[in-house]
């Protein structure tokens, strides 16, 4: 059996539209979620709706999470008459030693191990945002959600992020920071330090597009270890 520690990074100064949720559900169940509300599409309202729906639920399976997202999507669609209420949602549920991912949109989830990293969310590649895919509120029927299931191991490190984080550092940089950190709090602090330094300089590495674009930034860092 595994246990875990968690830390968050959250800076909503750019647009005020990111949101997140960390819940200990008991019985060795933990839920993490990040939402990236879409700018000029009532994103703050949409991301808050997802948080409130997940807070009110008691999910015991990935199907339960999917049902919450489907119901929230229908509510957002009605609120916006089919327009202007959009957010991404990437949700992870850890049940004992199994990680389940359910997501709508392009906010990435990374499972980082000493021998490599798995990106568990999004059909987009790399870290350059290519638009929001299957975000909540875009259509009356949400359609198929992205899902993944992974067996967890001691030493695994999980990161959920919005693109205000993932667009500002490479996968290699993120992996090195997370693997080199003694705690989730140390990882969060180092990621924030690196992004803040790039914001102050006004530019990113060439492979990330060169120019820094201010955005809300949110990430959850969860480190797993054997229960003692």
Foldseek 3Di string as FASTA:
>chain_A
DKDKDKDKDWDAPPPQQKDKDWDDLDQQKIKIKIKGFDPQLQRNVLNVLLVVLVVPDRDPDVVSNVVSLQVSLLVLLVVVVLTRGWMKMWMWMDNPQKIKIWIFWDFWKWKADPVGIDTQDDPDDWLADPDTGLTRNNDNGSPDTRMDMDGHDAFIKMKTKGSLQSLADGPVVLNVLLSPDPGNVSSSVVSVVSSVVCVVVQFGPVVSPTGDDHHIIMMMMMHMHHDD
